[in-house]
Full PDB file with SEQRES, HELIX, SHEET, SSBOND, CRYST1, ORIGX, SCALE, CONECT and MASTER records, all heavy atoms in Angstrom:
SEQRES   1 A   41  ASP LEU ALA TYR ALA LEU GLU ALA GLY LYS GLY GLY THR          
SEQRES   2 A   41  ARG PRO ILE LEU VAL ALA VAL GLN ALA HIS ILE ILE SER          
SEQRES   3 A   41  TYR LEU LEU PHE THR ARG GLU THR GLU CYS THR HIS LEU          
SEQRES   4 A   41  GLU ARG                                                      
HELIX    1 AA1 ARG A   14  SER A   26  1                                  13    
HELIX    2 AA2 TYR A   27  THR A   31  3                                   5    
CRYST1    1.000    1.000    1.000  90.00  90.00  90.00 P 1           1          
ORIGX1      1.000000  0.000000  0.000000        0.00000                         
ORIGX2      0.000000  1.000000  0.000000        0.00000                         
ORIGX3      0.000000  0.000000  1.000000        0.00000                         
SCALE1      1.000000  0.000000  0.000000        0.00000                         
SCALE2      0.000000  1.000000  0.000000        0.00000                         
SCALE3      0.000000  0.000000  1.000000        0.00000                         
ATOM      1  N   ASP A   1     190.194  94.129  97.671  1.00  0.00           N  
ATOM      2  CA  ASP A   1     190.542  94.321  96.265  1.00  0.00           C  
ATOM      3  C   ASP A   1     189.717  93.438  95.334  1.00  0.00           C  
ATOM      4  O   ASP A   1     189.536  93.755  94.165  1.00  0.00           O  
ATOM      5  CB  ASP A   1     192.028  94.040  96.046  1.00  0.00           C  
ATOM      6  CG  ASP A   1     192.911  95.135  96.623  1.00  0.00           C  
ATOM      7  OD1 ASP A   1     192.393  96.226  96.938  1.00  0.00           O  
ATOM      8  OD2 ASP A   1     194.126  94.901  96.760  1.00  0.00           O  
ATOM      9  N   LEU A   2     189.236  92.310  95.848  1.00  0.00           N  
ATOM     10  CA  LEU A   2     188.443  91.387  95.031  1.00  0.00           C  
ATOM     11  C   LEU A   2     187.005  91.273  95.531  1.00  0.00           C  
ATOM     12  O   LEU A   2     186.360  90.238  95.355  1.00  0.00           O  
ATOM     13  CB  LEU A   2     189.100  90.010  95.003  1.00  0.00           C  
ATOM     14  CG  LEU A   2     190.468  89.924  94.333  1.00  0.00           C  
ATOM     15  CD1 LEU A   2     191.069  88.542  94.522  1.00  0.00           C  
ATOM     16  CD2 LEU A   2     190.367  90.279  92.865  1.00  0.00           C  
ATOM     17  N   ALA A   3     186.480  92.337  96.108  1.00  0.00           N  
ATOM     18  CA  ALA A   3     185.134  92.317  96.685  1.00  0.00           C  
ATOM     19  C   ALA A   3     184.056  92.000  95.658  1.00  0.00           C  
ATOM     20  O   ALA A   3     182.987  91.518  95.999  1.00  0.00           O  
ATOM     21  CB  ALA A   3     184.831  93.653  97.356  1.00  0.00           C  
ATOM     22  N   TYR A   4     184.327  92.250  94.408  1.00  0.00           N  
ATOM     23  CA  TYR A   4     183.367  91.996  93.328  1.00  0.00           C  
ATOM     24  C   TYR A   4     183.372  90.540  92.873  1.00  0.00           C  
ATOM     25  O   TYR A   4     182.491  90.115  92.127  1.00  0.00           O  
ATOM     26  CB  TYR A   4     183.699  92.881  92.122  1.00  0.00           C  
ATOM     27  CG  TYR A   4     185.064  92.588  91.555  1.00  0.00           C  
ATOM     28  CD1 TYR A   4     185.234  91.627  90.558  1.00  0.00           C  
ATOM     29  CD2 TYR A   4     186.202  93.234  92.047  1.00  0.00           C  
ATOM     30  CE1 TYR A   4     186.496  91.342  90.059  1.00  0.00           C  
ATOM     31  CE2 TYR A   4     187.460  92.955  91.552  1.00  0.00           C  
ATOM     32  CZ  TYR A   4     187.597  92.005  90.555  1.00  0.00           C  
ATOM     33  OH  TYR A   4     188.846  91.708  90.065  1.00  0.00           O  
ATOM     34  N   ALA A   5     184.341  89.752  93.290  1.00  0.00           N  
ATOM     35  CA  ALA A   5     184.567  88.424  92.736  1.00  0.00           C  
ATOM     36  C   ALA A   5     183.865  87.313  93.510  1.00  0.00           C  
ATOM     37  O   ALA A   5     183.893  87.277  94.735  1.00  0.00           O  
ATOM     38  CB  ALA A   5     186.064  88.129  92.687  1.00  0.00           C  
ATOM     39  N   LEU A   6     183.261  86.402  92.754  1.00  0.00           N  
ATOM     40  CA  LEU A   6     182.707  85.195  93.345  1.00  0.00           C  
ATOM     41  C   LEU A   6     183.827  84.178  93.531  1.00  0.00           C  
ATOM     42  O   LEU A   6     184.735  84.091  92.708  1.00  0.00           O  
ATOM     43  CB  LEU A   6     181.644  84.583  92.425  1.00  0.00           C  
ATOM     44  CG  LEU A   6     180.359  85.373  92.240  1.00  0.00           C  
ATOM     45  CD1 LEU A   6     179.503  84.718  91.169  1.00  0.00           C  
ATOM     46  CD2 LEU A   6     179.600  85.472  93.556  1.00  0.00           C  
ATOM     47  N   GLU A   7     183.753  83.417  94.604  1.00  0.00           N  
ATOM     48  CA  GLU A   7     184.705  82.330  94.816  1.00  0.00           C  
ATOM     49  C   GLU A   7     184.170  81.103  94.095  1.00  0.00           C  
ATOM     50  O   GLU A   7     183.007  80.755  94.237  1.00  0.00           O  
ATOM     51  CB  GLU A   7     184.866  82.042  96.302  1.00  0.00           C  
ATOM     52  CG  GLU A   7     185.553  83.165  97.055  1.00  0.00           C  
ATOM     53  CD  GLU A   7     185.787  82.826  98.515  1.00  0.00           C  
ATOM     54  OE1 GLU A   7     185.663  81.641  98.895  1.00  0.00           O  
ATOM     55  OE2 GLU A   7     186.084  83.754  99.272  1.00  0.00           O  
ATOM     56  N   ALA A   8     185.012  80.473  93.313  1.00  0.00           N  
ATOM     57  CA  ALA A   8     184.597  79.300  92.552  1.00  0.00           C  
ATOM     58  C   ALA A   8     185.466  78.116  92.939  1.00  0.00           C  
ATOM     59  O   ALA A   8     186.683  78.168  92.814  1.00  0.00           O  
ATOM     60  CB  ALA A   8     184.716  79.567  91.056  1.00  0.00           C  
ATOM     61  N   GLY A   9     184.829  77.077  93.400  1.00  0.00           N  
ATOM     62  CA  GLY A   9     185.553  75.855  93.712  1.00  0.00           C  
ATOM     63  C   GLY A   9     185.789  75.044  92.454  1.00  0.00           C  
ATOM     64  O   GLY A   9     185.461  75.468  91.346  1.00  0.00           O  
ATOM     65  N   LYS A  10     186.347  73.892  92.620  1.00  0.00           N  
ATOM     66  CA  LYS A  10     186.574  73.005  91.479  1.00  0.00           C  
ATOM     67  C   LYS A  10     185.263  72.312  91.129  1.00  0.00           C  
ATOM     68  O   LYS A  10     184.384  72.165  91.952  1.00  0.00           O  
ATOM     69  CB  LYS A  10     187.643  71.975  91.829  1.00  0.00           C  
ATOM     70  CG  LYS A  10     188.998  72.592  92.070  1.00  0.00           C  
ATOM     71  CD  LYS A  10     190.014  71.541  92.419  1.00  0.00           C  
ATOM     72  CE  LYS A  10     191.369  72.208  92.665  1.00  0.00           C  
ATOM     73  NZ  LYS A  10     192.380  71.249  93.046  1.00  0.00           N  
ATOM     74  N   GLY A  11     185.182  71.868  89.901  1.00  0.00           N  
ATOM     75  CA  GLY A  11     184.020  71.084  89.514  1.00  0.00           C  
ATOM     76  C   GLY A  11     183.135  71.752  88.490  1.00  0.00           C  
ATOM     77  O   GLY A  11     183.452  72.805  87.946  1.00  0.00           O  
ATOM     78  N   GLY A  12     181.995  71.130  88.278  1.00  0.00           N  
ATOM     79  CA  GLY A  12     181.097  71.505  87.211  1.00  0.00           C  
ATOM     80  C   GLY A  12     180.318  72.780  87.393  1.00  0.00           C  
ATOM     81  O   GLY A  12     179.618  73.206  86.480  1.00  0.00           O  
ATOM     82  N   THR A  13     180.395  73.414  88.552  1.00  0.00           N  
ATOM     83  CA  THR A  13     179.607  74.629  88.782  1.00  0.00           C  
ATOM     84  C   THR A  13     180.297  75.879  88.246  1.00  0.00           C  
ATOM     85  O   THR A  13     179.671  76.922  88.151  1.00  0.00           O  
ATOM     86  CB  THR A  13     179.312  74.831  90.275  1.00  0.00           C  
ATOM     87  OG1 THR A  13     180.543  74.970  90.987  1.00  0.00           O  
ATOM     88  CG2 THR A  13     178.524  73.667  90.842  1.00  0.00           C  
ATOM     89  N   ARG A  14     181.552  75.786  87.898  1.00  0.00           N  
ATOM     90  CA  ARG A  14     182.310  76.959  87.444  1.00  0.00           C  
ATOM     91  C   ARG A  14     181.674  77.697  86.274  1.00  0.00           C  
ATOM     92  O   ARG A  14     181.636  78.921  86.283  1.00  0.00           O  
ATOM     93  CB  ARG A  14     183.736  76.583  87.105  1.00  0.00           C  
ATOM     94  CG  ARG A  14     184.625  76.541  88.303  1.00  0.00           C  
ATOM     95  CD  ARG A  14     186.057  76.331  87.892  1.00  0.00           C  
ATOM     96  NE  ARG A  14     186.917  76.570  89.033  1.00  0.00           N  
ATOM     97  CZ  ARG A  14     188.193  76.366  89.030  1.00  0.00           C  
ATOM     98  NH1 ARG A  14     188.787  75.927  87.937  1.00  0.00           N  
ATOM     99  NH2 ARG A  14     188.914  76.603  90.101  1.00  0.00           N  
ATOM    100  N   PRO A  15     181.194  77.013  85.233  1.00  0.00           N  
ATOM    101  CA  PRO A  15     180.588  77.754  84.117  1.00  0.00           C  
ATOM    102  C   PRO A  15     179.411  78.633  84.541  1.00  0.00           C  
ATOM    103  O   PRO A  15     179.259  79.751  84.046  1.00  0.00           O  
ATOM    104  CB  PRO A  15     180.142  76.655  83.146  1.00  0.00           C  
ATOM    105  CG  PRO A  15     181.027  75.498  83.461  1.00  0.00           C  
ATOM    106  CD  PRO A  15     181.275  75.581  84.938  1.00  0.00           C  
ATOM    107  N   ILE A  16     178.611  78.144  85.460  1.00  0.00           N  
ATOM    108  CA  ILE A  16     177.484  78.945  85.939  1.00  0.00           C  
ATOM    109  C   ILE A  16     178.001  80.152  86.707  1.00  0.00           C  
ATOM    110  O   ILE A  16     177.534  81.283  86.518  1.00  0.00           O  
ATOM    111  CB  ILE A  16     176.542  78.092  86.814  1.00  0.00           C  
ATOM    112  CG1 ILE A  16     175.845  77.050  85.936  1.00  0.00           C  
ATOM    113  CG2 ILE A  16     175.520  78.964  87.541  1.00  0.00           C  
ATOM    114  CD1 ILE A  16     174.995  76.070  86.676  1.00  0.00           C  
ATOM    115  N   LEU A  17     178.981  79.943  87.582  1.00  0.00           N  
ATOM    116  CA  LEU A  17     179.538  81.050  88.361  1.00  0.00           C  
ATOM    117  C   LEU A  17     180.189  82.098  87.458  1.00  0.00           C  
ATOM    118  O   LEU A  17     180.058  83.299  87.698  1.00  0.00           O  
ATOM    119  CB  LEU A  17     180.538  80.518  89.386  1.00  0.00           C  
ATOM    120  CG  LEU A  17     179.945  79.647  90.494  1.00  0.00           C  
ATOM    121  CD1 LEU A  17     181.049  79.014  91.317  1.00  0.00           C  
ATOM    122  CD2 LEU A  17     179.007  80.445  91.372  1.00  0.00           C  
ATOM    123  N   VAL A  18     180.863  81.660  86.405  1.00  0.00           N  
ATOM    124  CA  VAL A  18     181.518  82.595  85.481  1.00  0.00           C  
ATOM    125  C   VAL A  18     180.477  83.436  84.745  1.00  0.00           C  
ATOM    126  O   VAL A  18     180.653  84.647  84.576  1.00  0.00           O  
ATOM    127  CB  VAL A  18     182.430  81.833  84.494  1.00  0.00           C  
ATOM    128  CG1 VAL A  18     182.889  82.723  83.368  1.00  0.00           C  
ATOM    129  CG2 VAL A  18     183.622  81.254  85.231  1.00  0.00           C  
ATOM    130  N   ALA A  19     179.394  82.822  84.318  1.00  0.00           N  
ATOM    131  CA  ALA A  19     178.343  83.567  83.622  1.00  0.00           C  
ATOM    132  C   ALA A  19     177.716  84.615  84.537  1.00  0.00           C  
ATOM    133  O   ALA A  19     177.502  85.763  84.133  1.00  0.00           O  
ATOM    134  CB  ALA A  19     177.282  82.609  83.095  1.00  0.00           C  
ATOM    135  N   VAL A  20     177.443  84.235  85.770  1.00  0.00           N  
ATOM    136  CA  VAL A  20     176.876  85.183  86.730  1.00  0.00           C  
ATOM    137  C   VAL A  20     177.902  86.270  87.061  1.00  0.00           C  
ATOM    138  O   VAL A  20     177.555  87.455  87.173  1.00  0.00           O  
ATOM    139  CB  VAL A  20     176.394  84.445  88.002  1.00  0.00           C  
ATOM    140  CG1 VAL A  20     175.993  85.417  89.097  1.00  0.00           C  
ATOM    141  CG2 VAL A  20     175.240  83.510  87.653  1.00  0.00           C  
ATOM    142  N   GLN A  21     179.168  85.894  87.178  1.00  0.00           N  
ATOM    143  CA  GLN A  21     180.233  86.860  87.470  1.00  0.00           C  
ATOM    144  C   GLN A  21     180.285  87.959  86.405  1.00  0.00           C  
ATOM    145  O   GLN A  21     180.473  89.128  86.717  1.00  0.00           O  
ATOM    146  CB  GLN A  21     181.585  86.154  87.556  1.00  0.00           C  
ATOM    147  CG  GLN A  21     182.747  87.077  87.873  1.00  0.00           C  
ATOM    148  CD  GLN A  21     182.695  87.609  89.298  1.00  0.00           C  
ATOM    149  OE1 GLN A  21     182.988  86.888  90.229  1.00  0.00           O  
ATOM    150  NE2 GLN A  21     182.331  88.859  89.461  1.00  0.00           N  
ATOM    151  N   ALA A  22     180.118  87.596  85.152  1.00  0.00           N  
ATOM    152  CA  ALA A  22     180.139  88.587  84.075  1.00  0.00           C  
ATOM    153  C   ALA A  22     179.033  89.620  84.257  1.00  0.00           C  
ATOM    154  O   ALA A  22     179.259  90.832  84.084  1.00  0.00           O  
ATOM    155  CB  ALA A  22     180.006  87.895  82.717  1.00  0.00           C  
ATOM    156  N   HIS A  23     177.854  89.173  84.647  1.00  0.00           N  
ATOM    157  CA  HIS A  23     176.738  90.105  84.890  1.00  0.00           C  
ATOM    158  C   HIS A  23     177.001  90.975  86.116  1.00  0.00           C  
ATOM    159  O   HIS A  23     176.627  92.147  86.135  1.00  0.00           O  
ATOM    160  CB  HIS A  23     175.429  89.338  85.047  1.00  0.00           C  
ATOM    161  CG  HIS A  23     174.855  88.844  83.764  1.00  0.00           C  
ATOM    162  ND1 HIS A  23     174.120  89.649  82.920  1.00  0.00           N  
ATOM    163  CD2 HIS A  23     174.926  87.636  83.170  1.00  0.00           C  
ATOM    164  CE1 HIS A  23     173.747  88.947  81.867  1.00  0.00           C  
ATOM    165  NE2 HIS A  23     174.237  87.724  81.989  1.00  0.00           N  
ATOM    166  N   ILE A  24     177.633  90.405  87.128  1.00  0.00           N  
ATOM    167  CA  ILE A  24     177.962  91.174  88.339  1.00  0.00           C  
ATOM    168  C   ILE A  24     178.916  92.311  87.993  1.00  0.00           C  
ATOM    169  O   ILE A  24     178.705  93.462  88.390  1.00  0.00           O  
ATOM    170  CB  ILE A  24     178.561  90.252  89.429  1.00  0.00           C  
ATOM    171  CG1 ILE A  24     177.477  89.350  90.001  1.00  0.00           C  
ATOM    172  CG2 ILE A  24     179.236  91.065  90.529  1.00  0.00           C  
ATOM    173  CD1 ILE A  24     177.989  88.248  90.907  1.00  0.00           C  
ATOM    174  N   ILE A  25     179.963  92.003  87.260  1.00  0.00           N  
ATOM    175  CA  ILE A  25     180.944  93.033  86.894  1.00  0.00           C  
ATOM    176  C   ILE A  25     180.289  94.103  86.022  1.00  0.00           C  
ATOM    177  O   ILE A  25     180.514  95.295  86.221  1.00  0.00           O  
ATOM    178  CB  ILE A  25     182.165  92.400  86.202  1.00  0.00           C  
ATOM    179  CG1 ILE A  25     182.960  91.585  87.236  1.00  0.00           C  
ATOM    180  CG2 ILE A  25     183.044  93.460  85.561  1.00  0.00           C  
ATOM    181  CD1 ILE A  25     184.095  90.777  86.650  1.00  0.00           C  
ATOM    182  N   SER A  26     179.468  93.691  85.085  1.00  0.00           N  
ATOM    183  CA  SER A  26     178.763  94.651  84.227  1.00  0.00           C  
ATOM    184  C   SER A  26     177.897  95.588  85.066  1.00  0.00           C  
ATOM    185  O   SER A  26     177.892  96.811  84.863  1.00  0.00           O  
ATOM    186  CB  SER A  26     177.911  93.896  83.209  1.00  0.00           C  
ATOM    187  OG  SER A  26     177.131  94.789  82.473  1.00  0.00           O  
ATOM    188  N   TYR A  27     177.165  95.030  86.010  1.00  0.00           N  
ATOM    189  CA  TYR A  27     176.319  95.849  86.888  1.00  0.00           C  
ATOM    190  C   TYR A  27     177.159  96.823  87.710  1.00  0.00           C  
ATOM    191  O   TYR A  27     176.849  98.014  87.780  1.00  0.00           O  
ATOM    192  CB  TYR A  27     175.488  94.949  87.814  1.00  0.00           C  
ATOM    193  CG  TYR A  27     174.816  95.716  88.920  1.00  0.00           C  
ATOM    194  CD1 TYR A  27     173.655  96.444  88.676  1.00  0.00           C  
ATOM    195  CD2 TYR A  27     175.338  95.733  90.207  1.00  0.00           C  
ATOM    196  CE1 TYR A  27     173.034  97.159  89.681  1.00  0.00           C  
ATOM    197  CE2 TYR A  27     174.727  96.444  91.223  1.00  0.00           C  
ATOM    198  CZ  TYR A  27     173.580  97.160  90.960  1.00  0.00           C  
ATOM    199  OH  TYR A  27     172.974  97.882  91.962  1.00  0.00           O  
ATOM    200  N   LEU A  28     178.216  96.325  88.327  1.00  0.00           N  
ATOM    201  CA  LEU A  28     179.039  97.179  89.189  1.00  0.00           C  
ATOM    202  C   LEU A  28     179.752  98.275  88.413  1.00  0.00           C  
ATOM    203  O   LEU A  28     179.923  99.387  88.919  1.00  0.00           O  
ATOM    204  CB  LEU A  28     180.057  96.326  89.953  1.00  0.00           C  
ATOM    205  CG  LEU A  28     179.479  95.385  91.005  1.00  0.00           C  
ATOM    206  CD1 LEU A  28     180.568  94.488  91.569  1.00  0.00           C  
ATOM    207  CD2 LEU A  28     178.780  96.153  92.116  1.00  0.00           C  
ATOM    208  N   LEU A  29     180.169  97.999  87.203  1.00  0.00           N  
ATOM    209  CA  LEU A  29     180.895  99.000  86.412  1.00  0.00           C  
ATOM    210  C   LEU A  29     179.990  99.992  85.698  1.00  0.00           C  
ATOM    211  O   LEU A  29     180.310 101.175  85.622  1.00  0.00           O  
ATOM    212  CB  LEU A  29     181.782  98.308  85.372  1.00  0.00           C  
ATOM    213  CG  LEU A  29     183.055  97.665  85.879  1.00  0.00           C  
ATOM    214  CD1 LEU A  29     183.774  96.962  84.737  1.00  0.00           C  
ATOM    215  CD2 LEU A  29     183.968  98.675  86.540  1.00  0.00           C  
ATOM    216  N   PHE A  30     178.873  99.527  85.166  1.00  0.00           N  
ATOM    217  CA  PHE A  30     178.121 100.361  84.241  1.00  0.00           C  
ATOM    218  C   PHE A  30     176.707 100.715  84.658  1.00  0.00           C  
ATOM    219  O   PHE A  30     176.118 101.623  84.090  1.00  0.00           O  
ATOM    220  CB  PHE A  30     178.073  99.680  82.869  1.00  0.00           C  
ATOM    221  CG  PHE A  30     179.442  99.325  82.352  1.00  0.00           C  
ATOM    222  CD1 PHE A  30     179.798  98.004  82.167  1.00  0.00           C  
ATOM    223  CD2 PHE A  30     180.380 100.310  82.073  1.00  0.00           C  
ATOM    224  CE1 PHE A  30     181.061  97.663  81.691  1.00  0.00           C  
ATOM    225  CE2 PHE A  30     181.640  99.979  81.608  1.00  0.00           C  
ATOM    226  CZ  PHE A  30     181.979  98.659  81.418  1.00  0.00           C  
ATOM    227  N   THR A  31     176.138 100.030  85.625  1.00  0.00           N  
ATOM    228  CA  THR A  31     174.738 100.269  85.967  1.00  0.00           C  
ATOM    229  C   THR A  31     174.570 101.008  87.288  1.00  0.00           C  
ATOM    230  O   THR A  31     173.807 101.966  87.364  1.00  0.00           O  
ATOM    231  CB  THR A  31     173.969  98.935  86.023  1.00  0.00           C  
ATOM    232  OG1 THR A  31     174.155  98.244  84.797  1.00  0.00           O  
ATOM    233  CG2 THR A  31     172.492  99.175  86.249  1.00  0.00           C  
ATOM    234  N   ARG A  32     175.264 100.593  88.273  1.00  0.00           N  
ATOM    235  CA  ARG A  32     175.063 101.142  89.616  1.00  0.00           C  
ATOM    236  C   ARG A  32     175.548 102.576  89.689  1.00  0.00           C  
ATOM    237  O   ARG A  32     176.551 102.950  89.087  1.00  0.00           O  
ATOM    238  CB  ARG A  32     175.748 100.200  90.593  1.00  0.00           C  
ATOM    239  CG  ARG A  32     176.559 100.769  91.666  1.00  0.00           C  
ATOM    240  CD  ARG A  32     177.176  99.661  92.479  1.00  0.00           C  
ATOM    241  NE  ARG A  32     178.587  99.605  92.225  1.00  0.00           N  
ATOM    242  CZ  ARG A  32     179.495  99.891  93.152  1.00  0.00           C  
ATOM    243  NH1 ARG A  32     179.143 100.194  94.362  1.00  0.00           N  
ATOM    244  NH2 ARG A  32     180.764  99.850  92.844  1.00  0.00           N  
ATOM    245  N   GLU A  33     174.811 103.385  90.432  1.00  0.00           N  
ATOM    246  CA  GLU A  33     175.143 104.803  90.603  1.00  0.00           C  
ATOM    247  C   GLU A  33     176.187 104.968  91.711  1.00  0.00           C  
ATOM    248  O   GLU A  33     175.972 104.545  92.837  1.00  0.00           O  
ATOM    249  CB  GLU A  33     173.890 105.595  90.980  1.00  0.00           C  
ATOM    250  CG  GLU A  33     172.809 105.580  89.922  1.00  0.00           C  
ATOM    251  CD  GLU A  33     173.194 106.372  88.690  1.00  0.00           C  
ATOM    252  OE1 GLU A  33     173.896 107.386  88.828  1.00  0.00           O  
ATOM    253  OE2 GLU A  33     172.787 105.959  87.581  1.00  0.00           O  
ATOM    254  N   THR A  34     177.322 105.560  91.369  1.00  0.00           N  
ATOM    255  CA  THR A  34     178.369 105.837  92.343  1.00  0.00           C  
ATOM    256  C   THR A  34     179.298 106.902  91.775  1.00  0.00           C  
ATOM    257  O   THR A  34     179.356 107.110  90.571  1.00  0.00           O  
ATOM    258  CB  THR A  34     179.168 104.560  92.697  1.00  0.00           C  
ATOM    259  OG1 THR A  34     180.175 104.881  93.646  1.00  0.00           O  
ATOM    260  CG2 THR A  34     179.802 103.946  91.477  1.00  0.00           C  
ATOM    261  N   GLU A  35     180.008 107.564  92.667  1.00  0.00           N  
ATOM    262  CA  GLU A  35     180.941 108.606  92.236  1.00  0.00           C  
ATOM    263  C   GLU A  35     182.357 108.066  92.034  1.00  0.00           C  
ATOM    264  O   GLU A  35     183.252 108.800  91.637  1.00  0.00           O  
ATOM    265  CB  GLU A  35     180.972 109.725  93.278  1.00  0.00           C  
ATOM    266  CG  GLU A  35     179.644 110.449  93.406  1.00  0.00           C  
ATOM    267  CD  GLU A  35     179.655 111.498  94.501  1.00  0.00           C  
ATOM    268  OE1 GLU A  35     180.708 111.724  95.122  1.00  0.00           O  
ATOM    269  OE2 GLU A  35     178.593 112.086  94.738  1.00  0.00           O  
ATOM    270  N   CYS A  36     182.566 106.808  92.275  1.00  0.00           N  
ATOM    271  CA  CYS A  36     183.894 106.201  92.177  1.00  0.00           C  
ATOM    272  C   CYS A  36     184.289 106.004  90.710  1.00  0.00           C  
ATOM    273  O   CYS A  36     183.448 105.904  89.826  1.00  0.00           O  
ATOM    274  CB  CYS A  36     183.910 104.847  92.878  1.00  0.00           C  
ATOM    275  SG  CYS A  36     183.512 104.925  94.626  1.00  0.00           S  
ATOM    276  N   THR A  37     185.603 105.918  90.484  1.00  0.00           N  
ATOM    277  CA  THR A  37     186.104 105.573  89.157  1.00  0.00           C  
ATOM    278  C   THR A  37     185.803 104.098  88.894  1.00  0.00           C  
ATOM    279  O   THR A  37     185.404 103.364  89.801  1.00  0.00           O  
ATOM    280  CB  THR A  37     187.627 105.790  89.066  1.00  0.00           C  
ATOM    281  OG1 THR A  37     188.278 104.867  89.943  1.00  0.00           O  
ATOM    282  CG2 THR A  37     188.006 107.219  89.389  1.00  0.00           C  
ATOM    283  N   HIS A  38     186.029 103.654  87.674  1.00  0.00           N  
ATOM    284  CA  HIS A  38     185.686 102.276  87.309  1.00  0.00           C  
ATOM    285  C   HIS A  38     186.369 101.244  88.197  1.00  0.00           C  
ATOM    286  O   HIS A  38     185.735 100.314  88.677  1.00  0.00           O  
ATOM    287  CB  HIS A  38     186.021 102.006  85.846  1.00  0.00           C  
ATOM    288  CG  HIS A  38     185.046 102.635  84.914  1.00  0.00           C  
ATOM    289  ND1 HIS A  38     183.717 102.353  84.939  1.00  0.00           N  
ATOM    290  CD2 HIS A  38     185.211 103.553  83.933  1.00  0.00           C  
ATOM    291  CE1 HIS A  38     183.080 103.041  84.027  1.00  0.00           C  
ATOM    292  NE2 HIS A  38     183.970 103.792  83.393  1.00  0.00           N  
ATOM    293  N   LEU A  39     187.666 101.384  88.433  1.00  0.00           N  
ATOM    294  CA  LEU A  39     188.348 100.399  89.275  1.00  0.00           C  
ATOM    295  C   LEU A  39     187.910 100.500  90.727  1.00  0.00           C  
ATOM    296  O   LEU A  39     187.783  99.483  91.410  1.00  0.00           O  
ATOM    297  CB  LEU A  39     189.866 100.555  89.147  1.00  0.00           C  
ATOM    298  CG  LEU A  39     190.436 100.146  87.795  1.00  0.00           C  
ATOM    299  CD1 LEU A  39     191.941 100.397  87.757  1.00  0.00           C  
ATOM    300  CD2 LEU A  39     190.139  98.691  87.492  1.00  0.00           C  
ATOM    301  N   GLU A  40     187.676 101.712  91.207  1.00  0.00           N  
ATOM    302  CA  GLU A  40     187.202 101.874  92.579  1.00  0.00           C  
ATOM    303  C   GLU A  40     185.817 101.273  92.760  1.00  0.00           C  
ATOM    304  O   GLU A  40     185.477 100.789  93.832  1.00  0.00           O  
ATOM    305  CB  GLU A  40     187.173 103.352  92.966  1.00  0.00           C  
ATOM    306  CG  GLU A  40     188.540 103.982  93.140  1.00  0.00           C  
ATOM    307  CD  GLU A  40     188.452 105.488  93.358  1.00  0.00           C  
ATOM    308  OE1 GLU A  40     187.488 106.113  92.877  1.00  0.00           O  
ATOM    309  OE2 GLU A  40     189.354 106.029  94.003  1.00  0.00           O  
ATOM    310  N   ARG A  41     185.011 101.304  91.693  1.00  0.00           N  
ATOM    311  CA  ARG A  41     183.665 100.731  91.762  1.00  0.00           C  
ATOM    312  C   ARG A  41     183.722  99.250  92.116  1.00  0.00           C  
ATOM    313  O   ARG A  41     182.847  98.727  92.784  1.00  0.00           O  
ATOM    314  CB  ARG A  41     182.948 100.871  90.421  1.00  0.00           C  
ATOM    315  CG  ARG A  41     182.494 102.241  90.108  1.00  0.00           C  
ATOM    316  CD  ARG A  41     181.833 102.256  88.736  1.00  0.00           C  
ATOM    317  NE  ARG A  41     181.510 103.607  88.368  1.00  0.00           N  
ATOM    318  CZ  ARG A  41     180.348 103.973  87.857  1.00  0.00           C  
ATOM    319  NH1 ARG A  41     179.435 103.069  87.622  1.00  0.00           N  
ATOM    320  NH2 ARG A  41     180.113 105.217  87.559  1.00  0.00           N  
TER     321      ARG A  41                                                      
MASTER        0    0    0    2    0    0    0    6  320    1    0    4          
END                                                                             
């Protein structure tokens, strides 16, 4: 259910992971070619 999500530990790296996570979700929802619905993507 969370295959799209990066695991983020505690500490100062979280902001970088969150920024990259936003691009990952954007790619998976709107860029990649698939026949799945948005949530299935």
